Amino acid sequence: MPSRLADLIRKARRLAAERDRLIEAMAAEWTLALRGQPLSPADLDERRFGELLYTGGQPDPDLLIRTSGEMRVSNFLLWQIAYAEIYVTDTLWPDFRRRHLFEAVLAYQKRERRYGGISPGVREPVARRSAHSARREFAEGRSR
């Protein structure tokens, strides 16, 4: 490996380690500011971070209902909805009624919860397949 490339790789690794330490320090400072609790970066893990959020101690939601047809979550409960199912309805929030809630719950009940995993037999999305395999499937009449 050329020495210049090796130097660049070493520099990238050093910068990544510094970035990780900076993120840990910022998270610790954030928790101190919010909760007034002393916390070192080594004490901050996924569980502890979740406890420090304003929803700490409450279970994460299983279903997020997004009204008005918006296809974004607008920074709402980003940490907590990591594994939530998202239901989008064109109904505006002021018009959202019990029947809309029932529709959302029924749609939720039909979903397969995978918590980040994939089911056997699920094909990867077109965007992740190579252009060659997508063209081949199209030519064979198997395109999605």
C-alpha atoms as a PDB file:
ATOM      1  CA  MET A   1       0.000   0.000   0.000  1.00  0.00           C
ATOM      2  CA  PRO A   2       1.423   3.408  -0.886  1.00  0.00           C
ATOM      3  CA  SER A   3       2.564   5.332   2.182  1.00  0.00           C
ATOM      4  CA  ARG A   4       0.369   8.324   1.294  1.00  0.00           C
ATOM      5  CA  LEU A   5      -2.711   6.095   1.301  1.00  0.00           C
ATOM      6  CA  ALA A   6      -1.673   4.496   4.600  1.00  0.00           C
ATOM      7  CA  ASP A   7      -1.232   7.983   6.105  1.00  0.00           C
ATOM      8  CA  LEU A   8      -4.708   8.988   4.923  1.00  0.00           C
ATOM      9  CA  ILE A   9      -6.242   5.848   6.425  1.00  0.00           C
ATOM     10  CA  ARG A  10      -4.509   6.492   9.769  1.00  0.00           C
ATOM     11  CA  LYS A  11      -5.719  10.104   9.724  1.00  0.00           C
ATOM     12  CA  ALA A  12      -9.296   9.022   8.932  1.00  0.00           C
ATOM     13  CA  ARG A  13      -9.252   6.528  11.816  1.00  0.00           C
ATOM     14  CA  ARG A  14      -7.906   9.173  14.208  1.00  0.00           C
ATOM     15  CA  LEU A  15     -10.542  11.698  13.133  1.00  0.00           C
ATOM     16  CA  ALA A  16     -13.313   9.107  13.494  1.00  0.00           C
ATOM     17  CA  ALA A  17     -12.146   8.268  17.034  1.00  0.00           C
ATOM     18  CA  GLU A  18     -12.037  11.983  17.908  1.00  0.00           C
ATOM     19  CA  ARG A  19     -15.544  12.431  16.481  1.00  0.00           C
ATOM     20  CA  ASP A  20     -16.841   9.541  18.580  1.00  0.00           C
ATOM     21  CA  ARG A  21     -15.322  11.052  21.741  1.00  0.00           C
ATOM     22  CA  LEU A  22     -16.827  14.422  20.848  1.00  0.00           C
ATOM     23  CA  ILE A  23     -20.278  12.896  20.367  1.00  0.00           C
ATOM     24  CA  GLU A  24     -19.997  11.095  23.721  1.00  0.00           C
ATOM     25  CA  ALA A  25     -18.921  14.303  25.445  1.00  0.00           C
ATOM     26  CA  MET A  26     -21.764  16.275  23.846  1.00  0.00           C
ATOM     27  CA  ALA A  27     -24.278  13.629  24.926  1.00  0.00           C
ATOM     28  CA  ALA A  28     -22.969  13.728  28.487  1.00  0.00           C
ATOM     29  CA  GLU A  29     -23.138  17.535  28.549  1.00  0.00           C
ATOM     30  CA  TRP A  30     -26.652  17.405  27.126  1.00  0.00           C
ATOM     31  CA  THR A  31     -27.838  15.068  29.844  1.00  0.00           C
ATOM     32  CA  LEU A  32     -26.213  17.195  32.520  1.00  0.00           C
ATOM     33  CA  ALA A  33     -27.991  20.263  31.200  1.00  0.00           C
ATOM     34  CA  LEU A  34     -31.355  18.524  30.970  1.00  0.00           C
ATOM     35  CA  ARG A  35     -31.397  16.472  34.130  1.00  0.00           C
ATOM     36  CA  GLY A  36     -28.652  17.928  36.276  1.00  0.00           C
ATOM     37  CA  GLN A  37     -27.248  14.429  36.793  1.00  0.00           C
ATOM     38  CA  PRO A  38     -23.539  13.746  36.607  1.00  0.00           C
ATOM     39  CA  LEU A  39     -22.881  11.295  33.806  1.00  0.00           C
ATOM     40  CA  SER A  40     -19.679  10.268  32.130  1.00  0.00           C
ATOM     41  CA  PRO A  41     -19.563   9.221  28.473  1.00  0.00           C
ATOM     42  CA  ALA A  42     -18.714   5.686  29.594  1.00  0.00           C
ATOM     43  CA  ASP A  43     -22.024   5.553  31.497  1.00  0.00           C
ATOM     44  CA  LEU A  44     -24.086   6.488  28.457  1.00  0.00           C
ATOM     45  CA  ASP A  45     -25.472   3.499  26.567  1.00  0.00           C
ATOM     46  CA  GLU A  46     -28.682   2.958  24.611  1.00  0.00           C
ATOM     47  CA  ARG A  47     -30.753   2.090  27.683  1.00  0.00           C
ATOM     48  CA  ARG A  48     -29.473   5.040  29.718  1.00  0.00           C
ATOM     49  CA  PHE A  49     -29.974   7.459  26.834  1.00  0.00           C
ATOM     50  CA  GLY A  50     -33.600   6.337  26.505  1.00  0.00           C
ATOM     51  CA  GLU A  51     -34.141   6.874  30.239  1.00  0.00           C
ATOM     52  CA  LEU A  52     -32.928  10.466  29.958  1.00  0.00           C
ATOM     53  CA  LEU A  53     -35.461  11.437  27.302  1.00  0.00           C
ATOM     54  CA  TYR A  54     -38.655  13.151  28.429  1.00  0.00           C
ATOM     55  CA  THR A  55     -40.489   9.897  27.705  1.00  0.00           C
ATOM     56  CA  GLY A  56     -38.062   7.937  29.911  1.00  0.00           C
ATOM     57  CA  GLY A  57     -39.782   5.157  31.836  1.00  0.00           C
ATOM     58  CA  GLN A  58     -42.573   4.843  29.285  1.00  0.00           C
ATOM     59  CA  PRO A  59     -42.636   2.109  26.648  1.00  0.00           C
ATOM     60  CA  ASP A  60     -41.741   3.100  23.108  1.00  0.00           C
ATOM     61  CA  PRO A  61     -44.753   3.404  20.806  1.00  0.00           C
ATOM     62  CA  ASP A  62     -45.629   0.473  18.563  1.00  0.00           C
ATOM     63  CA  LEU A  63     -47.673   2.602  16.175  1.00  0.00           C
ATOM     64  CA  LEU A  64     -47.205   6.170  14.973  1.00  0.00           C
ATOM     65  CA  ILE A  65     -50.209   7.642  13.188  1.00  0.00           C
ATOM     66  CA  ARG A  66     -49.246  10.451  10.812  1.00  0.00           C
ATOM     67  CA  THR A  67     -52.164  12.617   9.785  1.00  0.00           C
ATOM     68  CA  SER A  68     -52.553  14.961   6.798  1.00  0.00           C
ATOM     69  CA  GLY A  69     -50.810  12.579   4.408  1.00  0.00           C
ATOM     70  CA  GLU A  70     -47.342  13.771   5.402  1.00  0.00           C
ATOM     71  CA  MET A  71     -44.636  11.205   4.738  1.00  0.00           C
ATOM     72  CA  ARG A  72     -42.199  12.508   7.338  1.00  0.00           C
ATOM     73  CA  VAL A  73     -42.034  12.378  11.113  1.00  0.00           C
ATOM     74  CA  SER A  74     -40.810  15.967  11.599  1.00  0.00           C
ATOM     75  CA  ASN A  75     -38.362  15.059  14.401  1.00  0.00           C
ATOM     76  CA  PHE A  76     -41.207  13.674  16.520  1.00  0.00           C
ATOM     77  CA  LEU A  77     -40.009  11.018  18.977  1.00  0.00           C
ATOM     78  CA  LEU A  78     -37.146  10.040  16.668  1.00  0.00           C
ATOM     79  CA  TRP A  79     -35.419   7.815  19.214  1.00  0.00           C
ATOM     80  CA  GLN A  80     -38.606   6.248  20.500  1.00  0.00           C
ATOM     81  CA  ILE A  81     -40.163   5.342  17.127  1.00  0.00           C
ATOM     82  CA  ALA A  82     -37.133   3.485  15.787  1.00  0.00           C
ATOM     83  CA  TYR A  83     -39.146   0.247  15.584  1.00  0.00           C
ATOM     84  CA  ALA A  84     -42.667   1.685  15.466  1.00  0.00           C
ATOM     85  CA  GLU A  85     -44.971   0.969  12.583  1.00  0.00           C
ATOM     86  CA  ILE A  86     -45.985   4.160  10.794  1.00  0.00           C
ATOM     87  CA  TYR A  87     -49.529   4.611   9.544  1.00  0.00           C
ATOM     88  CA  VAL A  88     -50.186   7.569   7.237  1.00  0.00           C
ATOM     89  CA  THR A  89     -53.674   8.922   6.648  1.00  0.00           C
ATOM     90  CA  ASP A  90     -54.833  11.863   4.543  1.00  0.00           C
ATOM     91  CA  THR A  91     -57.255  12.807   7.316  1.00  0.00           C
ATOM     92  CA  LEU A  92     -56.311  16.072   9.003  1.00  0.00           C
ATOM     93  CA  TRP A  93     -55.794  15.967  12.777  1.00  0.00           C
ATOM     94  CA  PRO A  94     -58.860  18.098  13.637  1.00  0.00           C
ATOM     95  CA  ASP A  95     -61.008  15.658  11.608  1.00  0.00           C
ATOM     96  CA  PHE A  96     -59.417  12.487  13.036  1.00  0.00           C
ATOM     97  CA  ARG A  97     -62.103  10.424  14.773  1.00  0.00           C
ATOM     98  CA  ARG A  98     -62.526   7.051  16.446  1.00  0.00           C
ATOM     99  CA  ARG A  99     -63.159   5.292  13.119  1.00  0.00           C
ATOM    100  CA  HIS A 100     -59.826   6.607  11.792  1.00  0.00           C
ATOM    101  CA  LEU A 101     -58.094   5.229  14.871  1.00  0.00           C
ATOM    102  CA  PHE A 102     -59.759   1.847  14.311  1.00  0.00           C
ATOM    103  CA  GLU A 103     -58.598   1.878  10.672  1.00  0.00           C
ATOM    104  CA  ALA A 104     -55.033   2.544  11.814  1.00  0.00           C
ATOM    105  CA  VAL A 105     -55.154  -0.210  14.433  1.00  0.00           C
ATOM    106  CA  LEU A 106     -56.599  -2.699  11.921  1.00  0.00           C
ATOM    107  CA  ALA A 107     -53.825  -1.849   9.445  1.00  0.00           C
ATOM    108  CA  TYR A 108     -51.273  -2.264  12.245  1.00  0.00           C
ATOM    109  CA  GLN A 109     -52.663  -5.679  13.186  1.00  0.00           C
ATOM    110  CA  LYS A 110     -52.084  -6.899   9.626  1.00  0.00           C
ATOM    111  CA  ARG A 111     -48.397  -5.994   9.648  1.00  0.00           C
ATOM    112  CA  GLU A 112     -45.558  -8.328  10.397  1.00  0.00           C
ATOM    113  CA  ARG A 113     -43.402  -6.845  13.164  1.00  0.00           C
ATOM    114  CA  ARG A 114     -39.716  -7.484  12.452  1.00  0.00           C
ATOM    115  CA  TYR A 115     -38.010  -4.938  14.721  1.00  0.00           C
ATOM    116  CA  GLY A 116     -35.348  -4.142  12.159  1.00  0.00           C
ATOM    117  CA  GLY A 117     -34.945  -7.654  10.748  1.00  0.00           C
ATOM    118  CA  ILE A 118     -36.157  -8.989   7.448  1.00  0.00           C
ATOM    119  CA  SER A 119     -38.446 -11.912   6.836  1.00  0.00           C
ATOM    120  CA  PRO A 120     -37.305 -14.990   4.954  1.00  0.00           C
ATOM    121  CA  GLY A 121     -38.126 -14.707   1.277  1.00  0.00           C
ATOM    122  CA  VAL A 122     -38.240 -10.909   1.279  1.00  0.00           C
ATOM    123  CA  ARG A 123     -36.437  -9.594  -1.776  1.00  0.00           C
ATOM    124  CA  GLU A 124     -34.254  -6.554  -1.360  1.00  0.00           C
ATOM    125  CA  PRO A 125     -35.622  -3.264  -2.699  1.00  0.00           C
ATOM    126  CA  VAL A 126     -34.903  -2.270  -6.279  1.00  0.00           C
ATOM    127  CA  ALA A 127     -32.606   0.529  -5.098  1.00  0.00           C
ATOM    128  CA  ARG A 128     -30.337  -2.007  -3.401  1.00  0.00           C
ATOM    129  CA  ARG A 129     -30.132  -4.436  -6.280  1.00  0.00           C
ATOM    130  CA  SER A 130     -27.580  -3.983  -8.994  1.00  0.00           C
ATOM    131  CA  ALA A 131     -28.684  -2.394 -12.236  1.00  0.00           C
ATOM    132  CA  HIS A 132     -27.666  -5.604 -14.001  1.00  0.00           C
ATOM    133  CA  SER A 133     -29.966  -7.819 -11.906  1.00  0.00           C
ATOM    134  CA  ALA A 134     -32.837  -5.309 -12.226  1.00  0.00           C
ATOM    135  CA  ARG A 135     -32.445  -5.280 -16.030  1.00  0.00           C
ATOM    136  CA  ARG A 136     -32.281  -9.076 -16.115  1.00  0.00           C
ATOM    137  CA  GLU A 137     -35.473  -9.356 -14.051  1.00  0.00           C
ATOM    138  CA  PHE A 138     -37.189  -6.819 -16.296  1.00  0.00           C
ATOM    139  CA  ALA A 139     -36.183  -8.747 -19.412  1.00  0.00           C
ATOM    140  CA  GLU A 140     -37.487 -11.962 -17.864  1.00  0.00           C
ATOM    141  CA  GLY A 141     -40.774 -10.306 -16.912  1.00  0.00           C
ATOM    142  CA  ARG A 142     -40.098 -10.554 -13.180  1.00  0.00           C
ATOM    143  CA  SER A 143     -39.680  -6.855 -12.449  1.00  0.00           C
ATOM    144  CA  ARG A 144     -41.458  -5.245  -9.550  1.00  0.00           C
END
